[in-house]
Amino acid sequence: AAHGARLAAIYETMREAGDFRPDAGSAG
């Protein structure tokens, strides 16, 4: 409730398109 907008923005920012990548950055 307190940080919903920020959480939603990060959720979209962390979205990855394309094929699965097993590297540490993608996993994070």
PDB file of all heavy atoms in Angstrom:
ATOM      1  N   ALA A   1       0.822  -1.208   0.000  1.00  0.00           N
ATOM      2  CA  ALA A   1       0.000   0.000   0.000  1.00  0.00           C
ATOM      3  C   ALA A   1       0.854   1.255   0.000  1.00  0.00           C
ATOM      4  O   ALA A   1       0.521   2.260  -0.645  1.00  0.00           O
ATOM      5  CB  ALA A   1      -0.935  -0.012   1.212  1.00  0.00           C
ATOM      6  N   ALA A   2       1.966   1.225   0.721  1.00  0.00           N
ATOM      7  CA  ALA A   2       2.821   2.407   0.837  1.00  0.00           C
ATOM      8  C   ALA A   2       3.685   2.627  -0.399  1.00  0.00           C
ATOM      9  O   ALA A   2       4.020   3.773  -0.730  1.00  0.00           O
ATOM     10  CB  ALA A   2       3.704   2.283   2.077  1.00  0.00           C
ATOM     11  N   HIS A   3       4.064   1.557  -1.092  1.00  0.00           N
ATOM     12  CA  HIS A   3       5.039   1.683  -2.184  1.00  0.00           C
ATOM     13  C   HIS A   3       4.556   1.004  -3.464  1.00  0.00           C
ATOM     14  O   HIS A   3       5.381   0.608  -4.296  1.00  0.00           O
ATOM     15  CB  HIS A   3       6.371   1.063  -1.755  1.00  0.00           C
ATOM     16  CG  HIS A   3       6.996   1.709  -0.567  1.00  0.00           C
ATOM     17  ND1 HIS A   3       7.606   2.946  -0.626  1.00  0.00           N
ATOM     18  CD2 HIS A   3       7.093   1.305   0.732  1.00  0.00           C
ATOM     19  CE1 HIS A   3       8.065   3.274   0.576  1.00  0.00           C
ATOM     20  NE2 HIS A   3       7.766   2.301   1.419  1.00  0.00           N
ATOM     21  N   GLY A   4       3.247   0.880  -3.638  1.00  0.00           N
ATOM     22  CA  GLY A   4       2.715   0.160  -4.787  1.00  0.00           C
ATOM     23  C   GLY A   4       3.185   0.693  -6.121  1.00  0.00           C
ATOM     24  O   GLY A   4       3.581  -0.074  -7.020  1.00  0.00           O
ATOM     25  N   ALA A   5       3.184   2.017  -6.284  1.00  0.00           N
ATOM     26  CA  ALA A   5       3.584   2.600  -7.564  1.00  0.00           C
ATOM     27  C   ALA A   5       5.053   2.306  -7.867  1.00  0.00           C
ATOM     28  O   ALA A   5       5.413   1.990  -9.015  1.00  0.00           O
ATOM     29  CB  ALA A   5       3.334   4.103  -7.545  1.00  0.00           C
ATOM     30  N   ARG A   6       5.908   2.425  -6.860  1.00  0.00           N
ATOM     31  CA  ARG A   6       7.335   2.165  -7.062  1.00  0.00           C
ATOM     32  C   ARG A   6       7.570   0.689  -7.366  1.00  0.00           C
ATOM     33  O   ARG A   6       8.379   0.350  -8.240  1.00  0.00           O
ATOM     34  CB  ARG A   6       8.103   2.562  -5.804  1.00  0.00           C
ATOM     35  CG  ARG A   6       9.608   2.496  -5.967  1.00  0.00           C
ATOM     36  CD  ARG A   6      10.113   3.691  -6.750  1.00  0.00           C
ATOM     37  NE  ARG A   6      11.569   3.634  -6.893  1.00  0.00           N
ATOM     38  CZ  ARG A   6      12.200   3.191  -7.966  1.00  0.00           C
ATOM     39  NH1 ARG A   6      11.514   2.762  -9.013  1.00  0.00           N
ATOM     40  NH2 ARG A   6      13.499   3.179  -8.024  1.00  0.00           N
ATOM     41  N   LEU A   7       6.865  -0.189  -6.671  1.00  0.00           N
ATOM     42  CA  LEU A   7       6.995  -1.625  -6.922  1.00  0.00           C
ATOM     43  C   LEU A   7       6.540  -1.974  -8.336  1.00  0.00           C
ATOM     44  O   LEU A   7       7.167  -2.790  -9.021  1.00  0.00           O
ATOM     45  CB  LEU A   7       6.177  -2.410  -5.894  1.00  0.00           C
ATOM     46  CG  LEU A   7       6.746  -2.430  -4.471  1.00  0.00           C
ATOM     47  CD1 LEU A   7       5.657  -2.813  -3.473  1.00  0.00           C
ATOM     48  CD2 LEU A   7       7.908  -3.401  -4.369  1.00  0.00           C
ATOM     49  N   ALA A   8       5.457  -1.353  -8.774  1.00  0.00           N
ATOM     50  CA  ALA A   8       4.952  -1.613 -10.127  1.00  0.00           C
ATOM     51  C   ALA A   8       5.943  -1.132 -11.178  1.00  0.00           C
ATOM     52  O   ALA A   8       6.150  -1.793 -12.215  1.00  0.00           O
ATOM     53  CB  ALA A   8       3.601  -0.930 -10.311  1.00  0.00           C
ATOM     54  N   ALA A   9       6.589   0.011 -10.915  1.00  0.00           N
ATOM     55  CA  ALA A   9       7.569   0.527 -11.868  1.00  0.00           C
ATOM     56  C   ALA A   9       8.774  -0.399 -11.968  1.00  0.00           C
ATOM     57  O   ALA A   9       9.277  -0.679 -13.070  1.00  0.00           O
ATOM     58  CB  ALA A   9       8.003   1.931 -11.446  1.00  0.00           C
ATOM     59  N   ILE A  10       9.258  -0.883 -10.831  1.00  0.00           N
ATOM     60  CA  ILE A  10      10.394  -1.808 -10.838  1.00  0.00           C
ATOM     61  C   ILE A  10      10.004  -3.117 -11.510  1.00  0.00           C
ATOM     62  O   ILE A  10      10.791  -3.706 -12.271  1.00  0.00           O
ATOM     63  CB  ILE A  10      10.887  -2.055  -9.400  1.00  0.00           C
ATOM     64  CG1 ILE A  10      11.453  -0.764  -8.810  1.00  0.00           C
ATOM     65  CG2 ILE A  10      11.953  -3.158  -9.367  1.00  0.00           C
ATOM     66  CD1 ILE A  10      11.829  -0.876  -7.343  1.00  0.00           C
ATOM     67  N   TYR A  11       8.786  -3.572 -11.255  1.00  0.00           N
ATOM     68  CA  TYR A  11       8.291  -4.808 -11.876  1.00  0.00           C
ATOM     69  C   TYR A  11       8.386  -4.716 -13.399  1.00  0.00           C
ATOM     70  O   TYR A  11       8.828  -5.660 -14.066  1.00  0.00           O
ATOM     71  CB  TYR A  11       6.844  -5.040 -11.434  1.00  0.00           C
ATOM     72  CG  TYR A  11       6.185  -6.263 -12.024  1.00  0.00           C
ATOM     73  CD1 TYR A  11       6.417  -7.530 -11.498  1.00  0.00           C
ATOM     74  CD2 TYR A  11       5.302  -6.154 -13.106  1.00  0.00           C
ATOM     75  CE1 TYR A  11       5.806  -8.657 -12.025  1.00  0.00           C
ATOM     76  CE2 TYR A  11       4.689  -7.269 -13.651  1.00  0.00           C
ATOM     77  CZ  TYR A  11       4.940  -8.520 -13.106  1.00  0.00           C
ATOM     78  OH  TYR A  11       4.337  -9.636 -13.629  1.00  0.00           O
ATOM     79  N   GLU A  12       8.011  -3.569 -13.960  1.00  0.00           N
ATOM     80  CA  GLU A  12       8.071  -3.397 -15.406  1.00  0.00           C
ATOM     81  C   GLU A  12       9.509  -3.219 -15.887  1.00  0.00           C
ATOM     82  O   GLU A  12       9.908  -3.732 -16.937  1.00  0.00           O
ATOM     83  CB  GLU A  12       7.218  -2.202 -15.824  1.00  0.00           C
ATOM     84  CG  GLU A  12       5.725  -2.426 -15.662  1.00  0.00           C
ATOM     85  CD  GLU A  12       5.220  -3.631 -16.442  1.00  0.00           C
ATOM     86  OE1 GLU A  12       5.734  -3.888 -17.562  1.00  0.00           O
ATOM     87  OE2 GLU A  12       4.332  -4.339 -15.933  1.00  0.00           O
ATOM     88  N   THR A  13      10.305  -2.501 -15.111  1.00  0.00           N
ATOM     89  CA  THR A  13      11.699  -2.262 -15.499  1.00  0.00           C
ATOM     90  C   THR A  13      12.489  -3.562 -15.572  1.00  0.00           C
ATOM     91  O   THR A  13      13.374  -3.722 -16.428  1.00  0.00           O
ATOM     92  CB  THR A  13      12.378  -1.309 -14.501  1.00  0.00           C
ATOM     93  OG1 THR A  13      11.657  -0.074 -14.462  1.00  0.00           O
ATOM     94  CG2 THR A  13      13.820  -1.029 -14.898  1.00  0.00           C
ATOM     95  N   MET A  14      12.180  -4.487 -14.691  1.00  0.00           N
ATOM     96  CA  MET A  14      12.914  -5.752 -14.628  1.00  0.00           C
ATOM     97  C   MET A  14      12.404  -6.798 -15.619  1.00  0.00           C
ATOM     98  O   MET A  14      12.944  -7.900 -15.686  1.00  0.00           O
ATOM     99  CB  MET A  14      12.839  -6.333 -13.209  1.00  0.00           C
ATOM    100  CG  MET A  14      13.547  -5.495 -12.170  1.00  0.00           C
ATOM    101  SD  MET A  14      15.334  -5.385 -12.434  1.00  0.00           S
ATOM    102  CE  MET A  14      15.568  -3.600 -12.384  1.00  0.00           C
ATOM    103  N   ARG A  15      11.381  -6.445 -16.377  1.00  0.00           N
ATOM    104  CA  ARG A  15      10.851  -7.378 -17.381  1.00  0.00           C
ATOM    105  C   ARG A  15      11.897  -7.607 -18.460  1.00  0.00           C
ATOM    106  O   ARG A  15      12.497  -6.649 -18.973  1.00  0.00           O
ATOM    107  CB  ARG A  15       9.574  -6.819 -17.986  1.00  0.00           C
ATOM    108  CG  ARG A  15       8.872  -7.788 -18.947  1.00  0.00           C
ATOM    109  CD  ARG A  15       7.746  -7.073 -19.678  1.00  0.00           C
ATOM    110  NE  ARG A  15       6.731  -6.583 -18.766  1.00  0.00           N
ATOM    111  CZ  ARG A  15       5.684  -7.283 -18.371  1.00  0.00           C
ATOM    112  NH1 ARG A  15       5.534  -8.526 -18.816  1.00  0.00           N
ATOM    113  NH2 ARG A  15       4.806  -6.747 -17.539  1.00  0.00           N
ATOM    114  N   GLU A  16      12.115  -8.862 -18.847  1.00  0.00           N
ATOM    115  CA  GLU A  16      13.105  -9.192 -19.870  1.00  0.00           C
ATOM    116  C   GLU A  16      12.419  -9.847 -21.062  1.00  0.00           C
ATOM    117  O   GLU A  16      11.655 -10.806 -20.905  1.00  0.00           O
ATOM    118  CB  GLU A  16      14.178 -10.130 -19.311  1.00  0.00           C
ATOM    119  CG  GLU A  16      15.084  -9.467 -18.273  1.00  0.00           C
ATOM    120  CD  GLU A  16      16.344 -10.280 -18.025  1.00  0.00           C
ATOM    121  OE1 GLU A  16      16.217 -11.489 -17.782  1.00  0.00           O
ATOM    122  OE2 GLU A  16      17.442  -9.707 -18.082  1.00  0.00           O
ATOM    123  N   ALA A  17      12.684  -9.305 -22.234  1.00  0.00           N
ATOM    124  CA  ALA A  17      12.140  -9.881 -23.456  1.00  0.00           C
ATOM    125  C   ALA A  17      13.167 -10.822 -24.075  1.00  0.00           C
ATOM    126  O   ALA A  17      14.347 -10.787 -23.754  1.00  0.00           O
ATOM    127  CB  ALA A  17      11.787  -8.769 -24.440  1.00  0.00           C
ATOM    128  N   GLY A  18      12.677 -11.678 -24.951  1.00  0.00           N
ATOM    129  CA  GLY A  18      13.596 -12.574 -25.646  1.00  0.00           C
ATOM    130  C   GLY A  18      13.812 -13.879 -24.915  1.00  0.00           C
ATOM    131  O   GLY A  18      13.112 -14.210 -23.954  1.00  0.00           O
ATOM    132  N   ASP A  19      14.811 -14.612 -25.363  1.00  0.00           N
ATOM    133  CA  ASP A  19      15.076 -15.937 -24.827  1.00  0.00           C
ATOM    134  C   ASP A  19      15.642 -15.871 -23.406  1.00  0.00           C
ATOM    135  O   ASP A  19      16.231 -14.867 -22.995  1.00  0.00           O
ATOM    136  CB  ASP A  19      16.068 -16.678 -25.737  1.00  0.00           C
ATOM    137  CG  ASP A  19      15.493 -16.942 -27.114  1.00  0.00           C
ATOM    138  OD1 ASP A  19      14.249 -17.015 -27.232  1.00  0.00           O
ATOM    139  OD2 ASP A  19      16.290 -17.056 -28.075  1.00  0.00           O
ATOM    140  N   PHE A  20      15.459 -16.958 -22.705  1.00  0.00           N
ATOM    141  CA  PHE A  20      15.976 -17.091 -21.341  1.00  0.00           C
ATOM    142  C   PHE A  20      17.496 -17.006 -21.347  1.00  0.00           C
ATOM    143  O   PHE A  20      18.175 -17.590 -22.196  1.00  0.00           O
ATOM    144  CB  PHE A  20      15.539 -18.441 -20.766  1.00  0.00           C
ATOM    145  CG  PHE A  20      16.205 -18.789 -19.460  1.00  0.00           C
ATOM    146  CD1 PHE A  20      15.763 -18.240 -18.272  1.00  0.00           C
ATOM    147  CD2 PHE A  20      17.276 -19.679 -19.423  1.00  0.00           C
ATOM    148  CE1 PHE A  20      16.367 -18.555 -17.073  1.00  0.00           C
ATOM    149  CE2 PHE A  20      17.886 -20.011 -18.226  1.00  0.00           C
ATOM    150  CZ  PHE A  20      17.432 -19.443 -17.053  1.00  0.00           C
ATOM    151  N   ARG A  21      18.027 -16.247 -20.385  1.00  0.00           N
ATOM    152  CA  ARG A  21      19.481 -16.138 -20.221  1.00  0.00           C
ATOM    153  C   ARG A  21      19.842 -16.558 -18.801  1.00  0.00           C
ATOM    154  O   ARG A  21      19.270 -16.039 -17.825  1.00  0.00           O
ATOM    155  CB  ARG A  21      19.953 -14.707 -20.487  1.00  0.00           C
ATOM    156  CG  ARG A  21      19.751 -14.256 -21.930  1.00  0.00           C
ATOM    157  CD  ARG A  21      20.497 -12.956 -22.229  1.00  0.00           C
ATOM    158  NE  ARG A  21      19.978 -11.854 -21.450  1.00  0.00           N
ATOM    159  CZ  ARG A  21      18.958 -11.083 -21.830  1.00  0.00           C
ATOM    160  NH1 ARG A  21      18.333 -11.332 -22.964  1.00  0.00           N
ATOM    161  NH2 ARG A  21      18.563 -10.082 -21.075  1.00  0.00           N
ATOM    162  N   PRO A  22      20.815 -17.479 -18.660  1.00  0.00           N
ATOM    163  CA  PRO A  22      21.137 -18.019 -17.334  1.00  0.00           C
ATOM    164  C   PRO A  22      22.196 -17.232 -16.571  1.00  0.00           C
ATOM    165  O   PRO A  22      22.641 -17.665 -15.519  1.00  0.00           O
ATOM    166  CB  PRO A  22      21.657 -19.420 -17.672  1.00  0.00           C
ATOM    167  CG  PRO A  22      22.315 -19.251 -19.013  1.00  0.00           C
ATOM    168  CD  PRO A  22      21.499 -18.228 -19.743  1.00  0.00           C
ATOM    169  N   ASP A  23      22.621 -16.064 -17.082  1.00  0.00           N
ATOM    170  CA  ASP A  23      23.682 -15.325 -16.415  1.00  0.00           C
ATOM    171  C   ASP A  23      23.178 -14.716 -15.116  1.00  0.00           C
ATOM    172  O   ASP A  23      21.969 -14.574 -14.877  1.00  0.00           O
ATOM    173  CB  ASP A  23      24.218 -14.226 -17.332  1.00  0.00           C
ATOM    174  CG  ASP A  23      23.131 -13.246 -17.754  1.00  0.00           C
ATOM    175  OD1 ASP A  23      22.413 -13.554 -18.728  1.00  0.00           O
ATOM    176  OD2 ASP A  23      22.980 -12.203 -17.096  1.00  0.00           O
ATOM    177  N   ALA A  24      24.126 -14.324 -14.251  1.00  0.00           N
ATOM    178  CA  ALA A  24      23.785 -13.839 -12.915  1.00  0.00           C
ATOM    179  C   ALA A  24      22.948 -12.558 -12.960  1.00  0.00           C
ATOM    180  O   ALA A  24      22.021 -12.379 -12.172  1.00  0.00           O
ATOM    181  CB  ALA A  24      25.059 -13.600 -12.108  1.00  0.00           C
ATOM    182  N   GLY A  25      23.268 -11.662 -13.890  1.00  0.00           N
ATOM    183  CA  GLY A  25      22.514 -10.421 -13.979  1.00  0.00           C
ATOM    184  C   GLY A  25      21.057 -10.663 -14.303  1.00  0.00           C
ATOM    185  O   GLY A  25      20.157 -10.052 -13.695  1.00  0.00           O
ATOM    186  N   SER A  26      20.802 -11.552 -15.266  1.00  0.00           N
ATOM    187  CA  SER A  26      19.423 -11.872 -15.636  1.00  0.00           C
ATOM    188  C   SER A  26      18.699 -12.561 -14.483  1.00  0.00           C
ATOM    189  O   SER A  26      17.521 -12.282 -14.217  1.00  0.00           O
ATOM    190  CB  SER A  26      19.415 -12.771 -16.876  1.00  0.00           C
ATOM    191  OG  SER A  26      19.991 -12.114 -17.987  1.00  0.00           O
ATOM    192  N   ALA A  27      19.397 -13.451 -13.800  1.00  0.00           N
ATOM    193  CA  ALA A  27      18.790 -14.143 -12.655  1.00  0.00           C
ATOM    194  C   ALA A  27      18.407 -13.139 -11.570  1.00  0.00           C
ATOM    195  O   ALA A  27      17.347 -13.263 -10.931  1.00  0.00           O
ATOM    196  CB  ALA A  27      19.752 -15.185 -12.101  1.00  0.00           C
ATOM    197  N   GLY A  28      19.253 -12.139 -11.337  1.00  0.00           N
ATOM    198  CA  GLY A  28      18.950 -11.117 -10.341  1.00  0.00           C
ATOM    199  C   GLY A  28      17.726 -10.300 -10.712  1.00  0.00           C
ATOM    200  O   GLY A  28      16.880 -10.004  -9.858  1.00  0.00           O
TER     201      GLY A  28
END
